[in-house]
């Protein structure tokens, strides 16, 4: 199974360990992983700010680079959501675009839905809080948001529950936004920080020692707030936790 690794720009520049953890997880499961070095930003920041003309060439470049591969996997729900839910205004009708949307996955959903992972050989003896990002829940369907009726499910949580010795703690508001929202954190800095602080206090009250998510952008925001407030909370992407648990087993 050939997988092209799509690494968001902020992970490439600020959290490369998350990209490496993703690579090691996929290779350990027999995937032939390649990293197309010509890849650039997916254009999400420009699109979110209303600069569609700046986002369009990045969408076109993304299609050109990733179309040849069997699967595209990314450790970020928001960037995958950009491709699957928001590239239509730039690429609708282009040859290969529908196929690209159908084969582009966030890491956790790829492990659960494509590789059908049902067990994990690893242990993580910590109390862990899971932040479910808005893009993952409401645009990719990685879990059931609280406003919808139906059976509860959460793909990142399902993977974490496979780890020995882990204790998943549940905040009072498990699917509330962290307040990041890309450029929202700049335009509405005070509101963004208050929302992030609420999330951190909720997880700490639940007993979390480690806070994780499938989106490093949310975690970047929360990590900055936790550091400034000197909160006793480690911040780790779910790929790091899954990879570390296997490496120690």
Protein backbone atom coordinates (compact mmCIF):
# COMPACT_ATOMS: atom_id res chain seq x y z
CA UNK A 1 0.00 0.00 0.00
CA UNK A 2 1.60 3.25 -1.14
CA UNK A 3 1.02 6.31 1.03
CA UNK A 4 2.06 9.88 0.29
CA UNK A 5 2.72 11.78 3.49
CA UNK A 6 1.07 15.20 3.53
CA UNK A 7 2.71 17.25 6.29
CA UNK A 8 1.13 20.62 7.17
CA UNK A 9 3.49 23.58 7.06
CA UNK A 10 3.26 24.32 10.80
CA UNK A 11 4.15 20.70 11.63
CA UNK A 12 7.04 20.81 9.17
CA UNK A 13 8.41 24.01 10.69
CA UNK A 14 7.50 23.72 14.38
CA UNK A 15 6.63 20.11 15.23
CA UNK A 16 8.61 17.82 12.91
CA UNK A 17 8.51 15.07 15.54
CA UNK A 18 4.79 14.66 14.79
CA UNK A 19 5.59 14.03 11.13
CA UNK A 20 8.27 11.51 12.05
CA UNK A 21 5.90 9.71 14.44
CA UNK A 22 3.31 9.49 11.65
CA UNK A 23 5.91 8.05 9.28
CA UNK A 24 7.04 5.41 11.78
CA UNK A 25 3.46 4.36 12.59
CA UNK A 26 2.61 3.86 8.91
CA UNK A 27 5.84 2.06 8.05
CA UNK A 28 5.39 -0.27 11.02
CA UNK A 29 2.08 -1.29 9.45
CA UNK A 30 3.65 -2.19 6.13
CA UNK A 31 2.90 0.98 4.18
CA UNK A 32 5.29 2.15 1.49
CA UNK A 33 5.51 5.78 2.60
CA UNK A 34 6.87 8.55 0.39
CA UNK A 35 7.23 12.24 1.15
CA UNK A 36 6.67 14.39 -1.95
CA UNK A 37 9.22 17.14 -1.30
CA UNK A 38 7.52 19.60 -3.66
CA UNK A 39 4.46 19.90 -1.38
CA UNK A 40 3.54 23.31 0.01
CA UNK A 41 0.87 24.80 2.27
CA UNK A 42 -2.62 23.50 1.38
CA UNK A 43 -3.94 27.07 1.29
CA UNK A 44 -6.22 26.84 4.33
CA UNK A 45 -5.00 30.08 6.01
CA UNK A 46 -5.60 32.07 2.84
CA UNK A 47 -9.00 30.51 2.23
CA UNK A 48 -10.14 31.10 5.82
CA UNK A 49 -9.18 34.76 5.54
CA UNK A 50 -11.12 35.22 2.32
CA UNK A 51 -8.09 35.36 0.03
CA UNK A 52 -9.44 32.80 -2.43
CA UNK A 53 -7.23 33.96 -5.30
CA UNK A 54 -4.17 33.16 -3.17
CA UNK A 55 -5.49 29.76 -2.12
CA UNK A 56 -6.42 28.56 -5.61
CA UNK A 57 -2.88 28.01 -7.00
CA UNK A 58 -1.99 26.04 -3.85
CA UNK A 59 -5.02 23.80 -4.37
CA UNK A 60 -4.02 23.28 -8.00
CA UNK A 61 -0.47 22.47 -6.93
CA UNK A 62 -1.74 20.01 -4.32
CA UNK A 63 -3.74 18.12 -6.95
CA UNK A 64 -0.76 18.01 -9.29
CA UNK A 65 1.59 16.67 -6.60
CA UNK A 66 -0.63 14.13 -4.82
CA UNK A 67 -2.88 12.81 -7.61
CA UNK A 68 -0.49 9.98 -8.63
CA UNK A 69 -0.46 8.28 -5.21
CA UNK A 70 -2.71 5.49 -3.92
CA UNK A 71 -3.42 7.22 -0.60
CA UNK A 72 -2.62 10.59 0.98
CA UNK A 73 -2.32 10.67 4.78
CA UNK A 74 -1.94 13.71 7.01
CA UNK A 75 -1.65 14.14 10.81
CA UNK A 76 -4.09 17.07 10.75
CA UNK A 77 -7.86 17.02 10.49
CA UNK A 78 -8.14 20.68 9.50
CA UNK A 79 -5.81 20.37 6.50
CA UNK A 80 -7.54 17.18 5.32
CA UNK A 81 -10.86 18.98 5.70
CA UNK A 82 -9.54 21.76 3.48
CA UNK A 83 -8.85 19.23 0.72
CA UNK A 84 -12.04 17.19 1.05
CA UNK A 85 -14.57 19.88 1.91
CA UNK A 86 -13.23 23.21 0.62
CA UNK A 87 -11.22 22.55 -2.55
CA UNK A 88 -14.40 22.23 -4.64
CA UNK A 89 -14.57 25.97 -5.36
CA UNK A 90 -11.07 25.76 -6.85
CA UNK A 91 -10.95 22.30 -8.43
CA UNK A 92 -14.47 21.12 -9.21
CA UNK A 93 -14.52 19.25 -12.53
CA UNK A 94 -10.74 18.89 -12.73
CA UNK A 95 -9.52 15.42 -13.76
CA UNK A 96 -8.47 13.42 -10.72
CA UNK A 97 -10.03 15.74 -8.12
CA UNK A 98 -12.84 13.45 -6.97
CA UNK A 99 -10.36 10.59 -6.68
CA UNK A 100 -8.04 12.82 -4.64
CA UNK A 101 -10.80 13.65 -2.17
CA UNK A 102 -11.67 9.98 -1.78
CA UNK A 103 -8.12 8.90 -0.98
CA UNK A 104 -7.02 11.73 1.34
CA UNK A 105 -7.26 10.82 5.04
CA UNK A 106 -6.39 12.12 8.46
CA UNK A 107 -4.05 9.68 10.23
CA UNK A 108 -6.55 8.28 12.78
CA UNK A 109 -9.32 7.71 10.25
CA UNK A 110 -6.81 6.04 7.91
CA UNK A 111 -5.74 3.66 10.68
CA UNK A 112 -9.35 2.85 11.65
CA UNK A 113 -11.18 2.95 8.31
CA UNK A 114 -8.56 1.86 5.77
CA UNK A 115 -6.02 -0.26 7.66
CA UNK A 116 -8.75 -1.60 9.99
CA UNK A 117 -6.49 -1.44 13.04
CA UNK A 118 -8.23 -3.25 15.92
CA UNK A 119 -5.39 -3.67 18.41
CA UNK A 120 -2.26 -1.80 19.46
CA UNK A 121 0.84 -3.39 20.98
CA UNK A 122 1.79 -0.69 23.45
CA UNK A 123 1.24 0.89 26.84
CA UNK A 124 0.91 4.50 27.95
CA UNK A 125 0.59 4.72 31.77
CA UNK A 126 -0.82 8.25 31.99
CA UNK A 127 -4.11 10.08 32.51
CA UNK A 128 -4.93 11.48 29.09
CA UNK A 129 -7.50 14.03 27.98
CA UNK A 130 -8.61 13.97 24.35
CA UNK A 131 -9.46 17.23 22.62
CA UNK A 132 -11.77 16.59 19.67
CA UNK A 133 -11.20 19.29 17.09
CA UNK A 134 -14.11 20.96 15.29
CA UNK A 135 -12.86 20.04 11.80
CA UNK A 136 -12.39 16.40 12.75
CA UNK A 137 -15.79 16.05 14.37
CA UNK A 138 -17.98 18.14 12.13
CA UNK A 139 -16.33 18.02 8.72
CA UNK A 140 -14.53 14.66 8.63
CA UNK A 141 -16.93 12.68 10.83
CA UNK A 142 -14.19 11.36 13.11
CA UNK A 143 -16.62 11.31 16.03
CA UNK A 144 -20.15 12.18 17.04
CA UNK A 145 -20.54 15.81 18.09
CA UNK A 146 -22.87 16.50 21.01
CA UNK A 147 -25.45 18.30 18.87
CA UNK A 148 -26.18 15.19 16.77
CA UNK A 149 -28.43 12.29 17.71
CA UNK A 150 -27.04 8.80 17.26
CA UNK A 151 -24.62 6.24 18.67
CA UNK A 152 -21.48 7.68 20.21
CA UNK A 153 -18.18 7.02 18.43
CA UNK A 154 -14.77 8.65 18.26
CA UNK A 155 -11.97 7.28 16.08
CA UNK A 156 -9.00 8.84 17.93
CA UNK A 157 -10.49 7.68 21.23
CA UNK A 158 -10.92 4.18 19.82
CA UNK A 159 -7.20 4.02 19.06
CA UNK A 160 -6.20 5.38 22.47
CA UNK A 161 -8.43 2.84 24.22
CA UNK A 162 -6.34 0.07 22.64
CA UNK A 163 -3.31 1.10 24.72
CA UNK A 164 -2.53 -0.76 27.92
CA UNK A 165 -2.39 1.19 31.19
CA UNK A 166 -3.84 4.38 29.72
CA UNK A 167 -6.57 6.21 31.65
CA UNK A 168 -8.73 8.40 29.44
CA UNK A 169 -10.33 11.20 31.44
CA UNK A 170 -13.46 12.96 30.21
CA UNK A 171 -13.96 16.72 30.52
CA UNK A 172 -17.42 18.14 31.17
CA UNK A 173 -17.60 19.60 27.64
CA UNK A 174 -15.79 17.03 25.47
CA UNK A 175 -16.36 18.62 22.06
CA UNK A 176 -16.11 22.34 22.76
CA UNK A 177 -13.90 24.47 20.49
CA UNK A 178 -10.43 25.37 21.77
CA UNK A 179 -10.69 28.89 20.33
CA UNK A 180 -7.85 28.65 17.83
CA UNK A 181 -9.61 28.78 14.47
CA UNK A 182 -6.51 29.86 12.53
CA UNK A 183 -6.65 33.60 11.91
CA UNK A 184 -9.54 33.86 14.41
CA UNK A 185 -6.87 33.64 17.13
CA UNK A 186 -5.32 36.81 15.70
CA UNK A 187 -8.47 38.76 14.87
CA UNK A 188 -10.22 37.85 18.14
CA UNK A 189 -7.24 37.22 20.41
CA UNK A 190 -9.03 37.85 23.73
CA UNK A 191 -11.98 35.56 22.92
CA UNK A 192 -9.62 32.91 21.54
CA UNK A 193 -7.52 32.90 24.72
CA UNK A 194 -10.58 32.72 26.97
CA UNK A 195 -11.92 29.75 25.05
CA UNK A 196 -8.56 28.00 25.19
CA UNK A 197 -8.25 28.64 28.90
CA UNK A 198 -11.69 27.11 29.46
CA UNK A 199 -10.62 23.97 27.59
CA UNK A 200 -7.42 23.61 29.62
CA UNK A 201 -9.18 24.06 32.97
CA UNK A 202 -11.85 21.55 31.97
CA UNK A 203 -9.25 18.89 31.17
CA UNK A 204 -7.22 19.64 34.30
CA UNK A 205 -10.36 19.37 36.44
CA UNK A 206 -10.96 15.94 34.93
CA UNK A 207 -7.48 14.88 36.07
CA UNK A 208 -5.57 14.98 32.78
CA UNK A 209 -1.77 14.78 32.90
CA UNK A 210 -1.44 14.74 29.11
CA UNK A 211 -3.65 16.51 26.59
CA UNK A 212 -3.79 15.10 23.08
CA UNK A 213 -5.64 15.66 19.80
CA UNK A 214 -5.48 14.77 16.11
CA UNK A 215 -4.85 18.42 15.22
CA UNK A 216 -1.52 19.99 16.18
CA UNK A 217 -2.93 23.44 15.36
CA UNK A 218 -5.37 23.18 18.28
CA UNK A 219 -2.62 21.77 20.47
CA UNK A 220 -0.23 24.57 19.47
CA UNK A 221 -2.78 27.12 20.70
CA UNK A 222 -3.44 25.21 23.93
CA UNK A 223 0.26 24.58 24.53
CA UNK A 224 1.03 28.29 24.34
CA UNK A 225 -1.71 29.12 26.83
CA UNK A 226 -0.73 26.30 29.20
CA UNK A 227 2.90 27.37 29.13
CA UNK A 228 2.12 31.01 29.89
CA UNK A 229 -0.25 30.03 32.69
CA UNK A 230 2.29 27.46 34.00
CA UNK A 231 -0.29 24.69 33.99
CA UNK A 232 0.93 21.15 34.84
CA UNK A 233 -0.16 19.62 31.56
CA UNK A 234 1.87 17.91 28.84
CA UNK A 235 0.75 18.48 25.25
CA UNK A 236 1.25 15.65 22.74
CA UNK A 237 -0.19 14.88 19.31
CA UNK A 238 -1.92 11.51 19.20
CA UNK A 239 0.69 10.24 16.70
CA UNK A 240 3.38 10.84 19.33
CA UNK A 241 1.47 8.90 21.99
CA UNK A 242 0.72 5.97 19.68
CA UNK A 243 4.29 5.85 18.41
CA UNK A 244 5.89 6.17 21.84
CA UNK A 245 3.72 3.39 23.24
CA UNK A 246 4.86 0.99 20.51
CA UNK A 247 8.51 2.01 20.70
CA UNK A 248 8.62 1.16 24.42
CA UNK A 249 6.85 -2.20 24.10
